[in-house]
Amino acid sequence: MSIINNINKAFDHRIRLGIMSILMVNDYADFNMLKELLGATDGNIASHTKSLEKVEYIKVEKQFIGKKPNTRYSATKLGKQEFKKHIDALEKLIGKQ
């Protein structure tokens, strides 16, 4: 088995890594919260959340708060499991475990 076997390509980009990190410690985060915390553009957040949604690592909920649209994201059970495996693999790779 390779030492990089459990490193998940879905988390390769720093924005996706940031999104999952935020969603691991929060029940959910809305679009603006992700944008502000990560210092990313609208396009970057939209693109990377779509990638994580496609592999079913995050769940997307669209709603209206008053008259304003609001999109919020949460990590799925699968997403949490895969992200934990990814972090464990990174720690193992750098010799932390």
PDB file of N, CA and C in Angstrom:
ATOM      1  N   MET A   1       0.833  -1.182   0.000  1.00  0.00           N
ATOM      2  CA  MET A   1       0.000   0.000   0.000  1.00  0.00           C
ATOM      3  C   MET A   1       0.880   1.249   0.000  1.00  0.00           C
ATOM      4  N   SER A   2       0.531   2.190  -0.825  1.00  0.00           N
ATOM      5  CA  SER A   2       1.276   3.451  -0.941  1.00  0.00           C
ATOM      6  C   SER A   2       1.022   4.342   0.281  1.00  0.00           C
ATOM      7  N   ILE A   3       1.982   5.198   0.588  1.00  0.00           N
ATOM      8  CA  ILE A   3       1.802   6.099   1.730  1.00  0.00           C
ATOM      9  C   ILE A   3       0.822   7.231   1.417  1.00  0.00           C
ATOM     10  N   ILE A   4       0.473   7.377   0.157  1.00  0.00           N
ATOM     11  CA  ILE A   4      -0.494   8.429  -0.197  1.00  0.00           C
ATOM     12  C   ILE A   4      -1.847   7.828  -0.585  1.00  0.00           C
ATOM     13  N   ASN A   5      -2.042   6.580  -0.252  1.00  0.00           N
ATOM     14  CA  ASN A   5      -3.253   5.859  -0.644  1.00  0.00           C
ATOM     15  C   ASN A   5      -4.554   6.514  -0.176  1.00  0.00           C
ATOM     16  N   ASN A   6      -4.625   6.993   1.035  1.00  0.00           N
ATOM     17  CA  ASN A   6      -5.873   7.564   1.572  1.00  0.00           C
ATOM     18  C   ASN A   6      -5.981   9.061   1.403  1.00  0.00           C
ATOM     19  N   ILE A   7      -5.067   9.666   0.675  1.00  0.00           N
ATOM     20  CA  ILE A   7      -5.186  11.103   0.410  1.00  0.00           C
ATOM     21  C   ILE A   7      -6.241  11.268  -0.674  1.00  0.00           C
ATOM     22  N   ASN A   8      -7.274  12.048  -0.353  1.00  0.00           N
ATOM     23  CA  ASN A   8      -8.450  12.171  -1.211  1.00  0.00           C
ATOM     24  C   ASN A   8      -8.291  13.354  -2.164  1.00  0.00           C
ATOM     25  N   LYS A   9      -8.332  13.085  -3.442  1.00  0.00           N
ATOM     26  CA  LYS A   9      -8.155  14.109  -4.459  1.00  0.00           C
ATOM     27  C   LYS A   9      -9.252  15.188  -4.401  1.00  0.00           C
ATOM     28  N   ALA A  10     -10.412  14.838  -3.863  1.00  0.00           N
ATOM     29  CA  ALA A  10     -11.507  15.816  -3.757  1.00  0.00           C
ATOM     30  C   ALA A  10     -11.125  16.986  -2.853  1.00  0.00           C
ATOM     31  N   PHE A  11     -10.144  16.786  -1.975  1.00  0.00           N
ATOM     32  CA  PHE A  11      -9.739  17.843  -1.053  1.00  0.00           C
ATOM     33  C   PHE A  11      -8.413  18.478  -1.458  1.00  0.00           C
ATOM     34  N   ASP A  12      -7.958  18.231  -2.670  1.00  0.00           N
ATOM     35  CA  ASP A  12      -6.671  18.743  -3.143  1.00  0.00           C
ATOM     36  C   ASP A  12      -6.562  20.259  -3.131  1.00  0.00           C
ATOM     37  N   HIS A  13      -7.623  20.945  -3.487  1.00  0.00           N
ATOM     38  CA  HIS A  13      -7.554  22.404  -3.587  1.00  0.00           C
ATOM     39  C   HIS A  13      -7.723  23.051  -2.205  1.00  0.00           C
ATOM     40  N   ARG A  14      -6.981  24.119  -1.980  1.00  0.00           N
ATOM     41  CA  ARG A  14      -7.010  24.769  -0.661  1.00  0.00           C
ATOM     42  C   ARG A  14      -8.396  25.309  -0.302  1.00  0.00           C
ATOM     43  N   ILE A  15      -9.180  25.728  -1.293  1.00  0.00           N
ATOM     44  CA  ILE A  15     -10.526  26.227  -1.008  1.00  0.00           C
ATOM     45  C   ILE A  15     -11.410  25.069  -0.528  1.00  0.00           C
ATOM     46  N   ARG A  16     -11.322  23.907  -1.183  1.00  0.00           N
ATOM     47  CA  ARG A  16     -12.118  22.747  -0.756  1.00  0.00           C
ATOM     48  C   ARG A  16     -11.687  22.274   0.627  1.00  0.00           C
ATOM     49  N   LEU A  17     -10.390  22.300   0.872  1.00  0.00           N
ATOM     50  CA  LEU A  17      -9.873  21.948   2.201  1.00  0.00           C
ATOM     51  C   LEU A  17     -10.435  22.912   3.247  1.00  0.00           C
ATOM     52  N   GLY A  18     -10.469  24.188   2.914  1.00  0.00           N
ATOM     53  CA  GLY A  18     -11.017  25.198   3.821  1.00  0.00           C
ATOM     54  C   GLY A  18     -12.506  25.021   4.049  1.00  0.00           C
ATOM     55  N   ILE A  19     -13.251  24.763   2.988  1.00  0.00           N
ATOM     56  CA  ILE A  19     -14.696  24.561   3.122  1.00  0.00           C
ATOM     57  C   ILE A  19     -14.975  23.388   4.053  1.00  0.00           C
ATOM     58  N   MET A  20     -14.302  22.264   3.815  1.00  0.00           N
ATOM     59  CA  MET A  20     -14.539  21.089   4.660  1.00  0.00           C
ATOM     60  C   MET A  20     -14.094  21.349   6.102  1.00  0.00           C
ATOM     61  N   SER A  21     -13.011  22.060   6.290  1.00  0.00           N
ATOM     62  CA  SER A  21     -12.556  22.373   7.650  1.00  0.00           C
ATOM     63  C   SER A  21     -13.614  23.177   8.391  1.00  0.00           C
ATOM     64  N   ILE A  22     -14.184  24.159   7.715  1.00  0.00           N
ATOM     65  CA  ILE A  22     -15.234  24.986   8.333  1.00  0.00           C
ATOM     66  C   ILE A  22     -16.455  24.136   8.657  1.00  0.00           C
ATOM     67  N   LEU A  23     -16.825  23.249   7.729  1.00  0.00           N
ATOM     68  CA  LEU A  23     -18.038  22.451   7.936  1.00  0.00           C
ATOM     69  C   LEU A  23     -17.832  21.319   8.939  1.00  0.00           C
ATOM     70  N   MET A  24     -16.593  20.971   9.221  1.00  0.00           N
ATOM     71  CA  MET A  24     -16.332  19.941  10.239  1.00  0.00           C
ATOM     72  C   MET A  24     -16.557  20.491  11.648  1.00  0.00           C
ATOM     73  N   VAL A  25     -16.390  21.785  11.837  1.00  0.00           N
ATOM     74  CA  VAL A  25     -16.517  22.354  13.183  1.00  0.00           C
ATOM     75  C   VAL A  25     -17.790  23.189  13.357  1.00  0.00           C
ATOM     76  N   ASN A  26     -18.563  23.341  12.284  1.00  0.00           N
ATOM     77  CA  ASN A  26     -19.834  24.061  12.345  1.00  0.00           C
ATOM     78  C   ASN A  26     -20.926  23.147  11.785  1.00  0.00           C
ATOM     79  N   ASP A  27     -22.127  23.254  12.325  1.00  0.00           N
ATOM     80  CA  ASP A  27     -23.238  22.454  11.792  1.00  0.00           C
ATOM     81  C   ASP A  27     -23.512  22.832  10.341  1.00  0.00           C
ATOM     82  N   TYR A  28     -23.389  24.112  10.038  1.00  0.00           N
ATOM     83  CA  TYR A  28     -23.547  24.596   8.670  1.00  0.00           C
ATOM     84  C   TYR A  28     -22.865  25.949   8.514  1.00  0.00           C
ATOM     85  N   ALA A  29     -22.679  26.349   7.281  1.00  0.00           N
ATOM     86  CA  ALA A  29     -22.124  27.673   6.966  1.00  0.00           C
ATOM     87  C   ALA A  29     -22.836  28.153   5.707  1.00  0.00           C
ATOM     88  N   ASP A  30     -23.147  29.453   5.670  1.00  0.00           N
ATOM     89  CA  ASP A  30     -23.773  29.953   4.447  1.00  0.00           C
ATOM     90  C   ASP A  30     -22.701  30.468   3.489  1.00  0.00           C
ATOM     91  N   PHE A  31     -23.146  30.789   2.298  1.00  0.00           N
ATOM     92  CA  PHE A  31     -22.235  31.189   1.229  1.00  0.00           C
ATOM     93  C   PHE A  31     -21.346  32.353   1.662  1.00  0.00           C
ATOM     94  N   ASN A  32     -21.951  33.372   2.251  1.00  0.00           N
ATOM     95  CA  ASN A  32     -21.171  34.553   2.637  1.00  0.00           C
ATOM     96  C   ASN A  32     -20.167  34.262   3.740  1.00  0.00           C
ATOM     97  N   MET A  33     -20.520  33.367   4.650  1.00  0.00           N
ATOM     98  CA  MET A  33     -19.585  32.979   5.721  1.00  0.00           C
ATOM     99  C   MET A  33     -18.363  32.289   5.116  1.00  0.00           C
ATOM    100  N   LEU A  34     -18.597  31.362   4.177  1.00  0.00           N
ATOM    101  CA  LEU A  34     -17.471  30.675   3.520  1.00  0.00           C
ATOM    102  C   LEU A  34     -16.610  31.676   2.762  1.00  0.00           C
ATOM    103  N   LYS A  35     -17.268  32.569   2.055  1.00  0.00           N
ATOM    104  CA  LYS A  35     -16.551  33.571   1.246  1.00  0.00           C
ATOM    105  C   LYS A  35     -15.675  34.461   2.132  1.00  0.00           C
ATOM    106  N   GLU A  36     -16.245  34.895   3.243  1.00  0.00           N
ATOM    107  CA  GLU A  36     -15.515  35.790   4.140  1.00  0.00           C
ATOM    108  C   GLU A  36     -14.360  35.067   4.841  1.00  0.00           C
ATOM    109  N   LEU A  37     -14.632  33.880   5.376  1.00  0.00           N
ATOM    110  CA  LEU A  37     -13.594  33.147   6.112  1.00  0.00           C
ATOM    111  C   LEU A  37     -12.439  32.710   5.208  1.00  0.00           C
ATOM    112  N   LEU A  38     -12.763  32.389   3.961  1.00  0.00           N
ATOM    113  CA  LEU A  38     -11.728  31.879   3.060  1.00  0.00           C
ATOM    114  C   LEU A  38     -11.123  32.958   2.172  1.00  0.00           C
ATOM    115  N   GLY A  39     -11.717  34.150   2.180  1.00  0.00           N
ATOM    116  CA  GLY A  39     -11.196  35.230   1.336  1.00  0.00           C
ATOM    117  C   GLY A  39     -11.238  34.855  -0.136  1.00  0.00           C
ATOM    118  N   ALA A  40     -12.295  34.166  -0.513  1.00  0.00           N
ATOM    119  CA  ALA A  40     -12.423  33.674  -1.887  1.00  0.00           C
ATOM    120  C   ALA A  40     -13.496  34.464  -2.635  1.00  0.00           C
ATOM    121  N   THR A  41     -13.481  34.341  -3.939  1.00  0.00           N
ATOM    122  CA  THR A  41     -14.470  35.025  -4.774  1.00  0.00           C
ATOM    123  C   THR A  41     -15.769  34.204  -4.812  1.00  0.00           C
ATOM    124  N   ASP A  42     -16.831  34.843  -5.279  1.00  0.00           N
ATOM    125  CA  ASP A  42     -18.111  34.127  -5.448  1.00  0.00           C
ATOM    126  C   ASP A  42     -17.920  32.904  -6.345  1.00  0.00           C
ATOM    127  N   GLY A  43     -17.211  33.104  -7.456  1.00  0.00           N
ATOM    128  CA  GLY A  43     -16.997  32.025  -8.414  1.00  0.00           C
ATOM    129  C   GLY A  43     -16.231  30.861  -7.813  1.00  0.00           C
ATOM    130  N   ASN A  44     -15.211  31.180  -7.018  1.00  0.00           N
ATOM    131  CA  ASN A  44     -14.433  30.116  -6.362  1.00  0.00           C
ATOM    132  C   ASN A  44     -15.294  29.305  -5.397  1.00  0.00           C
ATOM    133  N   ILE A  45     -16.069  30.001  -4.572  1.00  0.00           N
ATOM    134  CA  ILE A  45     -16.917  29.285  -3.608  1.00  0.00           C
ATOM    135  C   ILE A  45     -17.934  28.428  -4.361  1.00  0.00           C
ATOM    136  N   ALA A  46     -18.576  29.014  -5.364  1.00  0.00           N
ATOM    137  CA  ALA A  46     -19.593  28.271  -6.127  1.00  0.00           C
ATOM    138  C   ALA A  46     -18.997  27.040  -6.788  1.00  0.00           C
ATOM    139  N   SER A  47     -17.846  27.204  -7.407  1.00  0.00           N
ATOM    140  CA  SER A  47     -17.204  26.099  -8.113  1.00  0.00           C
ATOM    141  C   SER A  47     -16.789  24.970  -7.168  1.00  0.00           C
ATOM    142  N   HIS A  48     -16.180  25.323  -6.074  1.00  0.00           N
ATOM    143  CA  HIS A  48     -15.669  24.289  -5.163  1.00  0.00           C
ATOM    144  C   HIS A  48     -16.779  23.631  -4.340  1.00  0.00           C
ATOM    145  N   THR A  49     -17.811  24.392  -3.985  1.00  0.00           N
ATOM    146  CA  THR A  49     -18.927  23.747  -3.288  1.00  0.00           C
ATOM    147  C   THR A  49     -19.646  22.785  -4.235  1.00  0.00           C
ATOM    148  N   LYS A  50     -19.739  23.162  -5.488  1.00  0.00           N
ATOM    149  CA  LYS A  50     -20.369  22.267  -6.470  1.00  0.00           C
ATOM    150  C   LYS A  50     -19.575  20.958  -6.592  1.00  0.00           C
ATOM    151  N   SER A  51     -18.255  21.054  -6.604  1.00  0.00           N
ATOM    152  CA  SER A  51     -17.415  19.851  -6.676  1.00  0.00           C
ATOM    153  C   SER A  51     -17.631  18.950  -5.463  1.00  0.00           C
ATOM    154  N   LEU A  52     -17.720  19.550  -4.290  1.00  0.00           N
ATOM    155  CA  LEU A  52     -17.923  18.759  -3.069  1.00  0.00           C
ATOM    156  C   LEU A  52     -19.342  18.197  -2.997  1.00  0.00           C
ATOM    157  N   GLU A  53     -20.297  18.933  -3.543  1.00  0.00           N
ATOM    158  CA  GLU A  53     -21.679  18.437  -3.589  1.00  0.00           C
ATOM    159  C   GLU A  53     -21.790  17.247  -4.550  1.00  0.00           C
ATOM    160  N   LYS A  54     -21.082  17.334  -5.665  1.00  0.00           N
ATOM    161  CA  LYS A  54     -21.133  16.282  -6.681  1.00  0.00           C
ATOM    162  C   LYS A  54     -20.682  14.928  -6.125  1.00  0.00           C
ATOM    163  N   VAL A  55     -19.697  14.929  -5.260  1.00  0.00           N
ATOM    164  CA  VAL A  55     -19.223  13.669  -4.660  1.00  0.00           C
ATOM    165  C   VAL A  55     -19.948  13.354  -3.342  1.00  0.00           C
ATOM    166  N   GLU A  56     -20.989  14.158  -3.065  1.00  0.00           N
ATOM    167  CA  GLU A  56     -21.863  13.962  -1.900  1.00  0.00           C
ATOM    168  C   GLU A  56     -21.145  14.119  -0.570  1.00  0.00           C
ATOM    169  N   TYR A  57     -20.161  15.031  -0.543  1.00  0.00           N
ATOM    170  CA  TYR A  57     -19.460  15.319   0.708  1.00  0.00           C
ATOM    171  C   TYR A  57     -20.109  16.479   1.454  1.00  0.00           C
ATOM    172  N   ILE A  58     -20.881  17.295   0.742  1.00  0.00           N
ATOM    173  CA  ILE A  58     -21.616  18.366   1.403  1.00  0.00           C
ATOM    174  C   ILE A  58     -23.057  18.373   0.895  1.00  0.00           C
ATOM    175  N   LYS A  59     -23.917  18.938   1.724  1.00  0.00           N
ATOM    176  CA  LYS A  59     -25.335  19.073   1.385  1.00  0.00           C
ATOM    177  C   LYS A  59     -25.607  20.574   1.216  1.00  0.00           C
ATOM    178  N   VAL A  60     -26.387  20.910   0.202  1.00  0.00           N
ATOM    179  CA  VAL A  60     -26.697  22.309  -0.089  1.00  0.00           C
ATOM    180  C   VAL A  60     -28.181  22.547   0.162  1.00  0.00           C
ATOM    181  N   GLU A  61     -28.481  23.590   0.914  1.00  0.00           N
ATOM    182  CA  GLU A  61     -29.877  23.975   1.169  1.00  0.00           C
ATOM    183  C   GLU A  61     -30.069  25.414   0.736  1.00  0.00           C
ATOM    184  N   LYS A  62     -31.074  25.635  -0.087  1.00  0.00           N
ATOM    185  CA  LYS A  62     -31.390  26.992  -0.539  1.00  0.00           C
ATOM    186  C   LYS A  62     -32.691  27.409   0.120  1.00  0.00           C
ATOM    187  N   GLN A  63     -32.701  28.637   0.618  1.00  0.00           N
ATOM    188  CA  GLN A  63     -33.884  29.154   1.299  1.00  0.00           C
ATOM    189  C   GLN A  63     -33.930  30.665   1.140  1.00  0.00           C
ATOM    190  N   PHE A  64     -35.010  31.255   1.592  1.00  0.00           N
ATOM    191  CA  PHE A  64     -35.113  32.709   1.623  1.00  0.00           C
ATOM    192  C   PHE A  64     -35.150  33.147   3.074  1.00  0.00           C
ATOM    193  N   ILE A  65     -34.375  34.164   3.381  1.00  0.00           N
ATOM    194  CA  ILE A  65     -34.460  34.798   4.686  1.00  0.00           C
ATOM    195  C   ILE A  65     -35.039  36.178   4.402  1.00  0.00           C
ATOM    196  N   GLY A  66     -36.298  36.362   4.755  1.00  0.00           N
ATOM    197  CA  GLY A  66     -37.016  37.556   4.309  1.00  0.00           C
ATOM    198  C   GLY A  66     -37.185  37.435   2.802  1.00  0.00           C
ATOM    199  N   LYS A  67     -36.706  38.415   2.102  1.00  0.00           N
ATOM    200  CA  LYS A  67     -36.795  38.364   0.642  1.00  0.00           C
ATOM    201  C   LYS A  67     -35.447  38.026   0.002  1.00  0.00           C
ATOM    202  N   LYS A  68     -34.434  37.776   0.839  1.00  0.00           N
ATOM    203  CA  LYS A  68     -33.094  37.519   0.306  1.00  0.00           C
ATOM    204  C   LYS A  68     -32.822  36.014   0.208  1.00  0.00           C
ATOM    205  N   PRO A  69     -32.316  35.570  -0.931  1.00  0.00           N
ATOM    206  CA  PRO A  69     -31.949  34.153  -1.042  1.00  0.00           C
ATOM    207  C   PRO A  69     -30.740  33.834  -0.154  1.00  0.00           C
ATOM    208  N   ASN A  70     -30.738  32.649   0.394  1.00  0.00           N
ATOM    209  CA  ASN A  70     -29.642  32.227   1.264  1.00  0.00           C
ATOM    210  C   ASN A  70     -29.313  30.773   0.937  1.00  0.00           C
ATOM    211  N   THR A  71     -28.041  30.513   0.721  1.00  0.00           N
ATOM    212  CA  THR A  71     -27.588  29.146   0.464  1.00  0.00           C
ATOM    213  C   THR A  71     -26.678  28.736   1.609  1.00  0.00           C
ATOM    214  N   ARG A  72     -26.995  27.610   2.190  1.00  0.00           N
ATOM    215  CA  ARG A  72     -26.133  27.146   3.271  1.00  0.00           C
ATOM    216  C   ARG A  72     -25.702  25.709   3.012  1.00  0.00           C
ATOM    217  N   TYR A  73     -24.575  25.381   3.601  1.00  0.00           N
ATOM    218  CA  TYR A  73     -23.923  24.106   3.337  1.00  0.00           C
ATOM    219  C   TYR A  73     -23.661  23.376   4.653  1.00  0.00           C
ATOM    220  N   SER A  74     -23.710  22.067   4.592  1.00  0.00           N
ATOM    221  CA  SER A  74     -23.334  21.246   5.748  1.00  0.00           C
ATOM    222  C   SER A  74     -22.590  20.020   5.230  1.00  0.00           C
ATOM    223  N   ALA A  75     -21.750  19.480   6.060  1.00  0.00           N
ATOM    224  CA  ALA A  75     -21.004  18.270   5.680  1.00  0.00           C
ATOM    225  C   ALA A  75     -21.914  17.058   5.856  1.00  0.00           C
ATOM    226  N   THR A  76     -21.892  16.155   4.897  1.00  0.00           N
ATOM    227  CA  THR A  76     -22.657  14.914   5.020  1.00  0.00           C
ATOM    228  C   THR A  76     -21.867  13.935   5.882  1.00  0.00           C
ATOM    229  N   LYS A  77     -22.513  12.859   6.276  1.00  0.00           N
ATOM    230  CA  LYS A  77     -21.825  11.823   7.053  1.00  0.00           C
ATOM    231  C   LYS A  77     -20.646  11.270   6.244  1.00  0.00           C
ATOM    232  N   LEU A  78     -20.892  11.020   4.955  1.00  0.00           N
ATOM    233  CA  LEU A  78     -19.826  10.531   4.073  1.00  0.00           C
ATOM    234  C   LEU A  78     -18.691  11.554   3.984  1.00  0.00           C
ATOM    235  N   GLY A  79     -19.038  12.827   3.835  1.00  0.00           N
ATOM    236  CA  GLY A  79     -18.029  13.883   3.742  1.00  0.00           C
ATOM    237  C   GLY A  79     -17.165  13.954   4.987  1.00  0.00           C
ATOM    238  N   LYS A  80     -17.799  13.835   6.149  1.00  0.00           N
ATOM    239  CA  LYS A  80     -17.044  13.866   7.408  1.00  0.00           C
ATOM    240  C   LYS A  80     -16.094  12.678   7.504  1.00  0.00           C
ATOM    241  N   GLN A  81     -16.594  11.495   7.121  1.00  0.00           N
ATOM    242  CA  GLN A  81     -15.752  10.293   7.169  1.00  0.00           C
ATOM    243  C   GLN A  81     -14.561  10.424   6.225  1.00  0.00           C
ATOM    244  N   GLU A  82     -14.813  10.868   4.999  1.00  0.00           N
ATOM    245  CA  GLU A  82     -13.746  10.976   4.002  1.00  0.00           C
ATOM    246  C   GLU A  82     -12.737  12.062   4.374  1.00  0.00           C
ATOM    247  N   PHE A  83     -13.223  13.163   4.931  1.00  0.00           N
ATOM    248  CA  PHE A  83     -12.319  14.237   5.329  1.00  0.00           C
ATOM    249  C   PHE A  83     -11.427  13.784   6.484  1.00  0.00           C
ATOM    250  N   LYS A  84     -12.004  13.059   7.431  1.00  0.00           N
ATOM    251  CA  LYS A  84     -11.205  12.553   8.554  1.00  0.00           C
ATOM    252  C   LYS A  84     -10.129  11.588   8.042  1.00  0.00           C
ATOM    253  N   LYS A  85     -10.509  10.716   7.102  1.00  0.00           N
ATOM    254  CA  LYS A  85      -9.522   9.788   6.517  1.00  0.00           C
ATOM    255  C   LYS A  85      -8.406  10.568   5.835  1.00  0.00           C
ATOM    256  N   HIS A  86      -8.774  11.632   5.121  1.00  0.00           N
ATOM    257  CA  HIS A  86      -7.803  12.467   4.410  1.00  0.00           C
ATOM    258  C   HIS A  86      -6.824  13.120   5.400  1.00  0.00           C
ATOM    259  N   ILE A  87      -7.359  13.700   6.456  1.00  0.00           N
ATOM    260  CA  ILE A  87      -6.506  14.356   7.459  1.00  0.00           C
ATOM    261  C   ILE A  87      -5.609  13.330   8.150  1.00  0.00           C
ATOM    262  N   ASP A  88      -6.164  12.180   8.477  1.00  0.00           N
ATOM    263  CA  ASP A  88      -5.355  11.118   9.091  1.00  0.00           C
ATOM    264  C   ASP A  88      -4.214  10.700   8.162  1.00  0.00           C
ATOM    265  N   ALA A  89      -4.521  10.592   6.867  1.00  0.00           N
ATOM    266  CA  ALA A  89      -3.494  10.207   5.888  1.00  0.00           C
ATOM    267  C   ALA A  89      -2.403  11.276   5.790  1.00  0.00           C
ATOM    268  N   LEU A  90      -2.812  12.554   5.821  1.00  0.00           N
ATOM    269  CA  LEU A  90      -1.818  13.637   5.767  1.00  0.00           C
ATOM    270  C   LEU A  90      -0.921  13.611   7.007  1.00  0.00           C
ATOM    271  N   GLU A  91      -1.539  13.392   8.168  1.00  0.00           N
ATOM    272  CA  GLU A  91      -0.758  13.331   9.405  1.00  0.00           C
ATOM    273  C   GLU A  91       0.202  12.151   9.385  1.00  0.00           C
ATOM    274  N   LYS A  92      -0.257  11.034   8.859  1.00  0.00           N
ATOM    275  CA  LYS A  92       0.601   9.851   8.761  1.00  0.00           C
ATOM    276  C   LYS A  92       1.762  10.123   7.799  1.00  0.00           C
ATOM    277  N   LEU A  93       1.443  10.810   6.701  1.00  0.00           N
ATOM    278  CA  LEU A  93       2.457  11.127   5.689  1.00  0.00           C
ATOM    279  C   LEU A  93       3.582  11.994   6.258  1.00  0.00           C
ATOM    280  N   ILE A  94       3.218  12.943   7.106  1.00  0.00           N
ATOM    281  CA  ILE A  94       4.255  13.822   7.667  1.00  0.00           C
ATOM    282  C   ILE A  94       4.800  13.295   8.987  1.00  0.00           C
ATOM    283  N   GLY A  95       4.367  12.078   9.350  1.00  0.00           N
ATOM    284  CA  GLY A  95       4.949  11.424  10.514  1.00  0.00           C
ATOM    285  C   GLY A  95       4.436  11.880  11.849  1.00  0.00           C
ATOM    286  N   LYS A  96       3.195  12.438  11.873  1.00  0.00           N
ATOM    287  CA  LYS A  96       2.624  12.877  13.141  1.00  0.00           C
ATOM    288  C   LYS A  96       2.027  11.726  13.934  1.00  0.00           C
ATOM    289  N   GLN A  97       1.732  10.595  13.283  1.00  0.00           N
ATOM    290  CA  GLN A  97       1.118   9.471  14.000  1.00  0.00           C
ATOM    291  C   GLN A  97       2.077   8.325  14.084  1.00  0.00           C
TER     292      GLN A  97
END
